Amino acid sequence: MGQRSVRRRIMIWAATLLAAYLALAYFAAPEFWTFRDRGFRTHRFEMLTHTPQGIPGDPINVGLVGTQKEVVHAFAVAGWDTADAVTLKTAIEIGESVLFDHPYP
């Protein structure tokens, strides 16, 4: 068996493995999670994040119980501020605070 034949076999195997990985990672796995989770999200306090496609992601470490108004009030009483909406202006201010090593208000 010549060196060209060995290289060709390695390239074929590498291409096959790459194609299999891509098929599993980007097609089969998301379809599996979608199929598995049909009807699963009926739980009231599900403690997982979800991708835009609805696929379960990371677990949430802390859950807050209450209405949005109650939670915001509790945080305000504790001295916390609500987060600024992400806009072009706030994104620039955050970037400047990181670049120039000063706190973001």
C-alpha atoms as a PDB file:
ATOM      1  CA  MET A   1       0.000   0.000   0.000  1.00  0.00           C
ATOM      2  CA  GLY A   2       1.484   3.297  -1.083  1.00  0.00           C
ATOM      3  CA  GLN A   3       1.756   6.517   0.898  1.00  0.00           C
ATOM      4  CA  ARG A   4      -0.859   8.206  -1.318  1.00  0.00           C
ATOM      5  CA  SER A   5      -3.340   5.434  -0.527  1.00  0.00           C
ATOM      6  CA  VAL A   6      -2.822   5.857   3.222  1.00  0.00           C
ATOM      7  CA  ARG A   7      -3.250   9.628   2.996  1.00  0.00           C
ATOM      8  CA  ARG A   8      -6.400   9.172   0.930  1.00  0.00           C
ATOM      9  CA  ARG A   9      -7.875   6.769   3.504  1.00  0.00           C
ATOM     10  CA  ILE A  10      -7.049   9.175   6.336  1.00  0.00           C
ATOM     11  CA  MET A  11      -8.684  12.056   4.475  1.00  0.00           C
ATOM     12  CA  ILE A  12     -11.804   9.974   3.776  1.00  0.00           C
ATOM     13  CA  TRP A  13     -12.048   8.977   7.454  1.00  0.00           C
ATOM     14  CA  ALA A  14     -11.507  12.562   8.597  1.00  0.00           C
ATOM     15  CA  ALA A  15     -14.203  13.851   6.226  1.00  0.00           C
ATOM     16  CA  THR A  16     -16.582  11.097   7.322  1.00  0.00           C
ATOM     17  CA  LEU A  17     -16.032  11.831  11.002  1.00  0.00           C
ATOM     18  CA  LEU A  18     -16.481  15.567  10.455  1.00  0.00           C
ATOM     19  CA  ALA A  19     -19.719  14.986   8.531  1.00  0.00           C
ATOM     20  CA  ALA A  20     -20.995  12.637  11.251  1.00  0.00           C
ATOM     21  CA  TYR A  21     -20.164  15.161  13.983  1.00  0.00           C
ATOM     22  CA  LEU A  22     -21.891  17.990  12.123  1.00  0.00           C
ATOM     23  CA  ALA A  23     -24.964  15.853  11.487  1.00  0.00           C
ATOM     24  CA  LEU A  24     -25.204  14.807  15.129  1.00  0.00           C
ATOM     25  CA  ALA A  25     -24.399  18.176  16.686  1.00  0.00           C
ATOM     26  CA  TYR A  26     -26.503  20.395  14.456  1.00  0.00           C
ATOM     27  CA  PHE A  27     -29.361  18.168  13.315  1.00  0.00           C
ATOM     28  CA  ALA A  28     -29.858  14.994  15.348  1.00  0.00           C
ATOM     29  CA  ALA A  29     -29.232  16.365  18.861  1.00  0.00           C
ATOM     30  CA  PRO A  30     -31.557  19.399  18.537  1.00  0.00           C
ATOM     31  CA  GLU A  31     -34.289  17.176  17.066  1.00  0.00           C
ATOM     32  CA  PHE A  32     -33.815  14.706  19.922  1.00  0.00           C
ATOM     33  CA  TRP A  33     -34.231  17.450  22.549  1.00  0.00           C
ATOM     34  CA  THR A  34     -37.268  18.878  20.778  1.00  0.00           C
ATOM     35  CA  PHE A  35     -38.856  15.429  20.594  1.00  0.00           C
ATOM     36  CA  ARG A  36     -37.952  14.606  24.218  1.00  0.00           C
ATOM     37  CA  ASP A  37     -39.302  17.849  25.598  1.00  0.00           C
ATOM     38  CA  ARG A  38     -42.720  17.851  23.949  1.00  0.00           C
ATOM     39  CA  GLY A  39     -45.103  18.547  26.789  1.00  0.00           C
ATOM     40  CA  PHE A  40     -42.248  18.742  29.302  1.00  0.00           C
ATOM     41  CA  ARG A  41     -42.426  22.529  29.728  1.00  0.00           C
ATOM     42  CA  THR A  42     -45.774  22.382  31.450  1.00  0.00           C
ATOM     43  CA  HIS A  43     -43.964  22.467  34.798  1.00  0.00           C
ATOM     44  CA  ARG A  44     -44.515  25.804  36.496  1.00  0.00           C
ATOM     45  CA  PHE A  45     -41.038  26.274  38.019  1.00  0.00           C
ATOM     46  CA  GLU A  46     -38.717  24.782  35.468  1.00  0.00           C
ATOM     47  CA  MET A  47     -35.199  25.821  36.460  1.00  0.00           C
ATOM     48  CA  LEU A  48     -33.459  25.705  33.064  1.00  0.00           C
ATOM     49  CA  THR A  49     -32.533  28.227  30.453  1.00  0.00           C
ATOM     50  CA  HIS A  50     -33.642  27.580  26.883  1.00  0.00           C
ATOM     51  CA  THR A  51     -32.155  28.378  23.503  1.00  0.00           C
ATOM     52  CA  PRO A  52     -34.199  30.445  21.024  1.00  0.00           C
ATOM     53  CA  GLN A  53     -35.241  27.120  19.480  1.00  0.00           C
ATOM     54  CA  GLY A  54     -36.604  25.969  22.859  1.00  0.00           C
ATOM     55  CA  ILE A  55     -33.837  23.465  23.583  1.00  0.00           C
ATOM     56  CA  PRO A  56     -32.986  23.176  27.314  1.00  0.00           C
ATOM     57  CA  GLY A  57     -29.666  24.729  28.294  1.00  0.00           C
ATOM     58  CA  ASP A  58     -27.970  25.466  31.600  1.00  0.00           C
ATOM     59  CA  PRO A  59     -29.619  25.056  34.990  1.00  0.00           C
ATOM     60  CA  ILE A  60     -30.596  28.223  36.804  1.00  0.00           C
ATOM     61  CA  ASN A  61     -28.896  28.443  40.200  1.00  0.00           C
ATOM     62  CA  VAL A  62     -31.320  30.844  41.870  1.00  0.00           C
ATOM     63  CA  GLY A  63     -35.059  31.176  41.425  1.00  0.00           C
ATOM     64  CA  LEU A  64     -37.069  34.142  42.633  1.00  0.00           C
ATOM     65  CA  VAL A  65     -40.679  33.721  43.680  1.00  0.00           C
ATOM     66  CA  GLY A  66     -43.010  36.676  43.362  1.00  0.00           C
ATOM     67  CA  THR A  67     -44.355  39.074  40.826  1.00  0.00           C
ATOM     68  CA  GLN A  68     -41.932  41.264  38.901  1.00  0.00           C
ATOM     69  CA  LYS A  69     -43.073  44.256  40.943  1.00  0.00           C
ATOM     70  CA  GLU A  70     -42.430  42.441  44.245  1.00  0.00           C
ATOM     71  CA  VAL A  71     -38.990  41.243  43.167  1.00  0.00           C
ATOM     72  CA  VAL A  72     -37.924  44.680  41.884  1.00  0.00           C
ATOM     73  CA  HIS A  73     -39.155  46.257  45.132  1.00  0.00           C
ATOM     74  CA  ALA A  74     -37.247  43.706  47.240  1.00  0.00           C
ATOM     75  CA  PHE A  75     -34.053  44.405  45.300  1.00  0.00           C
ATOM     76  CA  ALA A  76     -34.564  48.180  45.618  1.00  0.00           C
ATOM     77  CA  VAL A  77     -35.009  47.840  49.397  1.00  0.00           C
ATOM     78  CA  ALA A  78     -31.760  45.851  49.476  1.00  0.00           C
ATOM     79  CA  GLY A  79     -29.971  48.706  47.670  1.00  0.00           C
ATOM     80  CA  TRP A  80     -29.777  47.089  44.225  1.00  0.00           C
ATOM     81  CA  ASP A  81     -30.594  48.913  40.991  1.00  0.00           C
ATOM     82  CA  THR A  82     -32.393  47.461  38.007  1.00  0.00           C
ATOM     83  CA  ALA A  83     -30.209  46.780  34.993  1.00  0.00           C
ATOM     84  CA  ASP A  84     -30.142  49.309  32.187  1.00  0.00           C
ATOM     85  CA  ALA A  85     -31.726  48.253  28.921  1.00  0.00           C
ATOM     86  CA  VAL A  86     -29.138  47.271  26.339  1.00  0.00           C
ATOM     87  CA  THR A  87     -29.039  50.097  23.821  1.00  0.00           C
ATOM     88  CA  LEU A  88     -26.274  51.491  21.657  1.00  0.00           C
ATOM     89  CA  LYS A  89     -25.599  54.156  24.289  1.00  0.00           C
ATOM     90  CA  THR A  90     -25.386  51.730  27.227  1.00  0.00           C
ATOM     91  CA  ALA A  91     -23.300  49.279  25.183  1.00  0.00           C
ATOM     92  CA  ILE A  92     -20.783  52.041  24.422  1.00  0.00           C
ATOM     93  CA  GLU A  93     -20.716  53.109  28.085  1.00  0.00           C
ATOM     94  CA  ILE A  94     -20.147  49.522  29.221  1.00  0.00           C
ATOM     95  CA  GLY A  95     -17.370  49.108  26.627  1.00  0.00           C
ATOM     96  CA  GLU A  96     -15.706  52.319  27.798  1.00  0.00           C
ATOM     97  CA  SER A  97     -15.890  51.216  31.426  1.00  0.00           C
ATOM     98  CA  VAL A  98     -14.093  47.988  30.511  1.00  0.00           C
ATOM     99  CA  LEU A  99     -11.503  49.614  28.238  1.00  0.00           C
ATOM    100  CA  PHE A 100     -10.672  52.454  30.627  1.00  0.00           C
ATOM    101  CA  ASP A 101     -10.999  50.355  33.794  1.00  0.00           C
ATOM    102  CA  HIS A 102     -13.595  52.468  35.553  1.00  0.00           C
ATOM    103  CA  PRO A 103     -16.876  51.290  37.072  1.00  0.00           C
ATOM    104  CA  TYR A 104     -20.097  51.398  35.118  1.00  0.00           C
ATOM    105  CA  PRO A 105     -22.716  53.261  37.138  1.00  0.00           C
END
